[in-house]
Amino acid sequence: MPDNVEIKKGDRVKHRLFGKGTVTDTLPLGGDTVVTIEFDNGTTRKLCAIVSGLEPEPLQTQEENT
């Protein structure tokens, strides 16, 4: 995740190996943040936000869902 993006509980993110998921917990650690993510494939992982290369998922608008 880029340094200037703040991640919080409830955010949707994307990981290059695990796919898309929802942040369920965050824990600041040094200059990074450990995030717990429930991925759409049913797995839960704890990852360092910056090191893992997480990307924020854009919010979908109502028009995109139809």
C-alpha atoms as a PDB file:
ATOM      1  CA  MET A   1       0.000   0.000   0.000  1.00  0.00           C
ATOM      2  CA  PRO A   2       1.447   3.415  -0.814  1.00  0.00           C
ATOM      3  CA  ASP A   3       2.921   5.248   2.173  1.00  0.00           C
ATOM      4  CA  ASN A   4       0.410   8.095   1.990  1.00  0.00           C
ATOM      5  CA  VAL A   5      -2.708   5.859   2.090  1.00  0.00           C
ATOM      6  CA  GLU A   6      -4.210   5.223   5.505  1.00  0.00           C
ATOM      7  CA  ILE A   7      -5.851   1.826   5.929  1.00  0.00           C
ATOM      8  CA  LYS A   8      -8.688   1.198   8.367  1.00  0.00           C
ATOM      9  CA  LYS A   9     -11.112  -1.476   9.446  1.00  0.00           C
ATOM     10  CA  GLY A  10     -13.747  -2.129   6.789  1.00  0.00           C
ATOM     11  CA  ASP A  11     -11.565  -1.073   3.834  1.00  0.00           C
ATOM     12  CA  ARG A  12     -11.532  -3.273   0.760  1.00  0.00           C
ATOM     13  CA  VAL A  13      -8.052  -4.190  -0.500  1.00  0.00           C
ATOM     14  CA  LYS A  14      -6.427  -6.310  -3.185  1.00  0.00           C
ATOM     15  CA  HIS A  15      -3.320  -8.528  -2.864  1.00  0.00           C
ATOM     16  CA  ARG A  16      -1.486  -9.920  -5.899  1.00  0.00           C
ATOM     17  CA  LEU A  17      -1.601 -13.535  -4.596  1.00  0.00           C
ATOM     18  CA  PHE A  18      -4.616 -13.696  -2.280  1.00  0.00           C
ATOM     19  CA  GLY A  19      -7.021 -11.512  -4.266  1.00  0.00           C
ATOM     20  CA  LYS A  20      -9.635  -9.162  -2.839  1.00  0.00           C
ATOM     21  CA  GLY A  21     -10.630  -8.923   0.799  1.00  0.00           C
ATOM     22  CA  THR A  22     -11.894  -6.796   3.675  1.00  0.00           C
ATOM     23  CA  VAL A  23      -9.734  -5.388   6.473  1.00  0.00           C
ATOM     24  CA  THR A  24     -11.031  -6.664   9.822  1.00  0.00           C
ATOM     25  CA  ASP A  25      -8.337  -5.276  12.148  1.00  0.00           C
ATOM     26  CA  THR A  26      -5.297  -2.974  12.114  1.00  0.00           C
ATOM     27  CA  LEU A  27      -2.271  -2.653  14.385  1.00  0.00           C
ATOM     28  CA  PRO A  28       0.335   0.117  13.907  1.00  0.00           C
ATOM     29  CA  LEU A  29       3.844  -1.356  14.023  1.00  0.00           C
ATOM     30  CA  GLY A  30       6.843   0.914  13.520  1.00  0.00           C
ATOM     31  CA  GLY A  31       6.454   2.673  10.176  1.00  0.00           C
ATOM     32  CA  ASP A  32       4.000   0.065   8.876  1.00  0.00           C
ATOM     33  CA  THR A  33       0.600  -1.338   9.846  1.00  0.00           C
ATOM     34  CA  VAL A  34      -0.227  -5.013  10.403  1.00  0.00           C
ATOM     35  CA  VAL A  35      -3.637  -5.640   8.879  1.00  0.00           C
ATOM     36  CA  THR A  36      -5.890  -8.637   9.316  1.00  0.00           C
ATOM     37  CA  ILE A  37      -7.766  -9.341   6.101  1.00  0.00           C
ATOM     38  CA  GLU A  38     -10.630 -11.729   5.402  1.00  0.00           C
ATOM     39  CA  PHE A  39     -10.186 -12.576   1.740  1.00  0.00           C
ATOM     40  CA  ASP A  40     -13.108 -13.363  -0.542  1.00  0.00           C
ATOM     41  CA  ASN A  41     -11.770 -16.930  -0.985  1.00  0.00           C
ATOM     42  CA  GLY A  42     -12.428 -17.624   2.728  1.00  0.00           C
ATOM     43  CA  THR A  43      -8.884 -17.285   4.096  1.00  0.00           C
ATOM     44  CA  THR A  44      -7.793 -14.817   6.766  1.00  0.00           C
ATOM     45  CA  ARG A  45      -4.253 -13.395   6.736  1.00  0.00           C
ATOM     46  CA  LYS A  46      -2.234 -10.913   8.779  1.00  0.00           C
ATOM     47  CA  LEU A  47       0.019  -8.836   6.522  1.00  0.00           C
ATOM     48  CA  CYS A  48       2.197  -5.747   6.775  1.00  0.00           C
ATOM     49  CA  ALA A  49       0.406  -3.164   4.644  1.00  0.00           C
ATOM     50  CA  ILE A  50       3.451  -1.563   2.979  1.00  0.00           C
ATOM     51  CA  VAL A  51       5.636  -4.653   2.616  1.00  0.00           C
ATOM     52  CA  SER A  52       2.861  -6.880   1.228  1.00  0.00           C
ATOM     53  CA  GLY A  53       1.992  -4.527  -1.626  1.00  0.00           C
ATOM     54  CA  LEU A  54      -1.687  -4.197  -0.753  1.00  0.00           C
ATOM     55  CA  GLU A  55      -3.702  -1.985  -3.059  1.00  0.00           C
ATOM     56  CA  PRO A  56      -6.908  -0.191  -2.080  1.00  0.00           C
ATOM     57  CA  GLU A  57     -10.016  -1.341  -3.917  1.00  0.00           C
ATOM     58  CA  PRO A  58     -12.057   1.549  -5.297  1.00  0.00           C
ATOM     59  CA  LEU A  59     -15.540   1.925  -3.870  1.00  0.00           C
ATOM     60  CA  GLN A  60     -18.242   0.836  -6.290  1.00  0.00           C
ATOM     61  CA  THR A  61     -21.038   3.232  -7.046  1.00  0.00           C
ATOM     62  CA  GLN A  62     -24.674   2.187  -7.427  1.00  0.00           C
ATOM     63  CA  GLU A  63     -24.413   2.545 -11.244  1.00  0.00           C
ATOM     64  CA  GLU A  64     -21.461   0.098 -11.363  1.00  0.00           C
ATOM     65  CA  ASN A  65     -23.457  -2.541  -9.493  1.00  0.00           C
ATOM     66  CA  THR A  66     -26.329  -2.530 -12.020  1.00  0.00           C
END
